[in-house]
C-alpha cells in the first residue's frame, strides 16, 4: 500500500526557550484505499503514524 502523508514543522522561541511544533497527517482516498469509512480512517491513521515515527 502506498501511504500518502505530510509533515509540518515550525520552530519558534518563547522568550529564550526554543520550541518546535510539528504535525503529521495521514491521507486515505475512496475507493482506492478502502470502501468504508472505518477502513479509510484506519488507513489514514496508519499513514499518519508511519510518517510520525519514521
N, C-alpha and C. Protein backbone atom coordinates (compact mmCIF):
# COMPACT_ATOMS: atom_id res chain seq x y z
N UNK A 1 0.84 -1.18 0.00
CA UNK A 1 0.00 0.00 0.00
C UNK A 1 0.89 1.24 0.00
N UNK A 2 0.57 2.19 -0.83
CA UNK A 2 1.33 3.44 -0.93
C UNK A 2 0.69 4.46 0.01
N UNK A 3 1.33 4.72 1.16
CA UNK A 3 0.79 5.65 2.13
C UNK A 3 1.07 7.07 1.71
N UNK A 4 0.06 7.89 1.75
CA UNK A 4 0.21 9.32 1.49
C UNK A 4 0.31 10.01 2.84
N UNK A 5 1.26 10.92 2.96
CA UNK A 5 1.48 11.54 4.26
C UNK A 5 2.08 12.92 4.09
N UNK A 6 1.99 13.71 5.14
CA UNK A 6 2.58 15.05 5.14
C UNK A 6 3.04 15.37 6.55
N UNK A 7 4.11 16.12 6.64
CA UNK A 7 4.61 16.58 7.93
C UNK A 7 4.84 18.07 7.86
N UNK A 8 4.44 18.76 8.90
CA UNK A 8 4.68 20.19 9.01
C UNK A 8 5.52 20.43 10.25
N UNK A 9 6.50 21.32 10.14
CA UNK A 9 7.38 21.61 11.27
C UNK A 9 7.59 23.11 11.34
N UNK A 10 7.46 23.66 12.55
CA UNK A 10 7.61 25.10 12.76
C UNK A 10 8.44 25.30 14.01
N UNK A 11 9.51 26.05 13.88
CA UNK A 11 10.38 26.33 15.03
C UNK A 11 10.23 27.79 15.43
N UNK A 12 10.11 28.01 16.73
CA UNK A 12 9.96 29.36 17.25
C UNK A 12 10.60 29.44 18.62
N UNK A 13 10.63 30.62 19.17
CA UNK A 13 11.16 30.82 20.52
C UNK A 13 10.11 31.52 21.35
N UNK A 14 9.99 31.07 22.58
CA UNK A 14 9.15 31.74 23.56
C UNK A 14 10.12 32.28 24.60
N UNK A 15 10.35 33.58 24.54
CA UNK A 15 11.42 34.16 25.35
C UNK A 15 12.74 33.60 24.86
N UNK A 16 13.50 32.99 25.75
CA UNK A 16 14.77 32.37 25.38
C UNK A 16 14.64 30.87 25.17
N UNK A 17 13.43 30.33 25.19
CA UNK A 17 13.22 28.89 25.09
C UNK A 17 12.84 28.51 23.66
N UNK A 18 13.68 27.70 22.99
CA UNK A 18 13.31 27.25 21.65
C UNK A 18 12.19 26.19 21.73
N UNK A 19 11.23 26.32 20.83
CA UNK A 19 10.08 25.42 20.79
C UNK A 19 9.90 24.93 19.36
N UNK A 20 9.65 23.64 19.19
CA UNK A 20 9.37 23.07 17.88
C UNK A 20 7.96 22.50 17.89
N UNK A 21 7.14 22.95 16.97
CA UNK A 21 5.79 22.41 16.79
C UNK A 21 5.79 21.59 15.51
N UNK A 22 5.21 20.39 15.57
CA UNK A 22 5.11 19.60 14.35
C UNK A 22 3.79 18.84 14.32
N UNK A 23 3.38 18.51 13.10
CA UNK A 23 2.14 17.77 12.90
C UNK A 23 2.37 16.76 11.79
N UNK A 24 1.79 15.59 11.93
CA UNK A 24 1.84 14.56 10.91
C UNK A 24 0.41 14.26 10.48
N UNK A 25 0.20 14.16 9.18
CA UNK A 25 -1.13 13.95 8.63
C UNK A 25 -1.12 12.74 7.71
N UNK A 26 -2.08 11.84 7.89
CA UNK A 26 -2.24 10.69 7.00
C UNK A 26 -3.43 10.89 6.10
N UNK A 27 -3.37 10.36 4.90
CA UNK A 27 -4.42 10.55 3.91
C UNK A 27 -4.91 9.21 3.40
N UNK A 28 -6.19 9.11 3.13
CA UNK A 28 -6.78 7.93 2.51
C UNK A 28 -7.84 8.39 1.51
N UNK A 29 -7.95 7.71 0.39
CA UNK A 29 -8.90 8.10 -0.65
C UNK A 29 -9.87 6.95 -0.96
N UNK A 30 -11.13 7.31 -1.14
CA UNK A 30 -12.16 6.35 -1.53
C UNK A 30 -12.18 6.27 -3.04
N UNK A 31 -12.29 5.17 -3.66
CA UNK A 31 -12.31 3.80 -3.17
C UNK A 31 -10.95 3.12 -3.21
N UNK A 32 -9.91 3.87 -3.59
CA UNK A 32 -8.58 3.29 -3.74
C UNK A 32 -8.07 2.64 -2.46
N UNK A 33 -8.22 3.32 -1.33
CA UNK A 33 -7.68 2.84 -0.07
C UNK A 33 -8.69 2.10 0.80
N UNK A 34 -9.94 2.09 0.41
CA UNK A 34 -10.97 1.38 1.17
C UNK A 34 -12.34 1.80 0.71
N UNK A 35 -13.33 0.97 1.05
CA UNK A 35 -14.69 1.27 0.61
C UNK A 35 -15.66 1.53 1.77
N UNK A 36 -15.11 1.70 2.96
CA UNK A 36 -15.95 2.05 4.11
C UNK A 36 -15.25 3.14 4.91
N UNK A 37 -16.03 3.90 5.66
CA UNK A 37 -15.47 4.96 6.48
C UNK A 37 -14.47 4.39 7.48
N UNK A 38 -14.81 3.26 8.09
CA UNK A 38 -13.91 2.63 9.08
C UNK A 38 -12.56 2.28 8.46
N UNK A 39 -12.57 1.69 7.28
CA UNK A 39 -11.32 1.32 6.61
C UNK A 39 -10.51 2.56 6.24
N UNK A 40 -11.17 3.59 5.73
CA UNK A 40 -10.46 4.81 5.35
C UNK A 40 -9.81 5.48 6.56
N UNK A 41 -10.50 5.49 7.68
CA UNK A 41 -9.93 6.07 8.90
C UNK A 41 -8.72 5.26 9.35
N UNK A 42 -8.81 3.93 9.30
CA UNK A 42 -7.67 3.09 9.69
C UNK A 42 -6.47 3.30 8.78
N UNK A 43 -6.69 3.41 7.48
CA UNK A 43 -5.59 3.63 6.53
C UNK A 43 -4.95 4.99 6.77
N UNK A 44 -5.76 6.03 6.95
CA UNK A 44 -5.22 7.36 7.21
C UNK A 44 -4.46 7.39 8.53
N UNK A 45 -4.97 6.71 9.54
CA UNK A 45 -4.30 6.65 10.84
C UNK A 45 -2.95 5.94 10.72
N UNK A 46 -2.93 4.82 9.99
CA UNK A 46 -1.66 4.11 9.78
C UNK A 46 -0.65 5.00 9.07
N UNK A 47 -1.10 5.72 8.04
CA UNK A 47 -0.20 6.60 7.29
C UNK A 47 0.35 7.69 8.19
N UNK A 48 -0.48 8.23 9.07
CA UNK A 48 -0.04 9.28 9.98
C UNK A 48 1.03 8.76 10.93
N UNK A 49 0.80 7.57 11.51
CA UNK A 49 1.78 7.04 12.46
C UNK A 49 3.08 6.64 11.78
N UNK A 50 3.01 6.15 10.56
CA UNK A 50 4.22 5.84 9.80
C UNK A 50 5.03 7.11 9.58
N UNK A 51 4.35 8.19 9.19
CA UNK A 51 5.04 9.46 8.97
C UNK A 51 5.61 10.00 10.29
N UNK A 52 4.85 9.89 11.35
CA UNK A 52 5.26 10.46 12.62
C UNK A 52 6.50 9.78 13.19
N UNK A 53 6.65 8.48 12.99
CA UNK A 53 7.74 7.74 13.63
C UNK A 53 8.83 7.28 12.67
N UNK A 54 8.87 7.83 11.45
CA UNK A 54 9.98 7.49 10.53
C UNK A 54 10.75 8.74 10.16
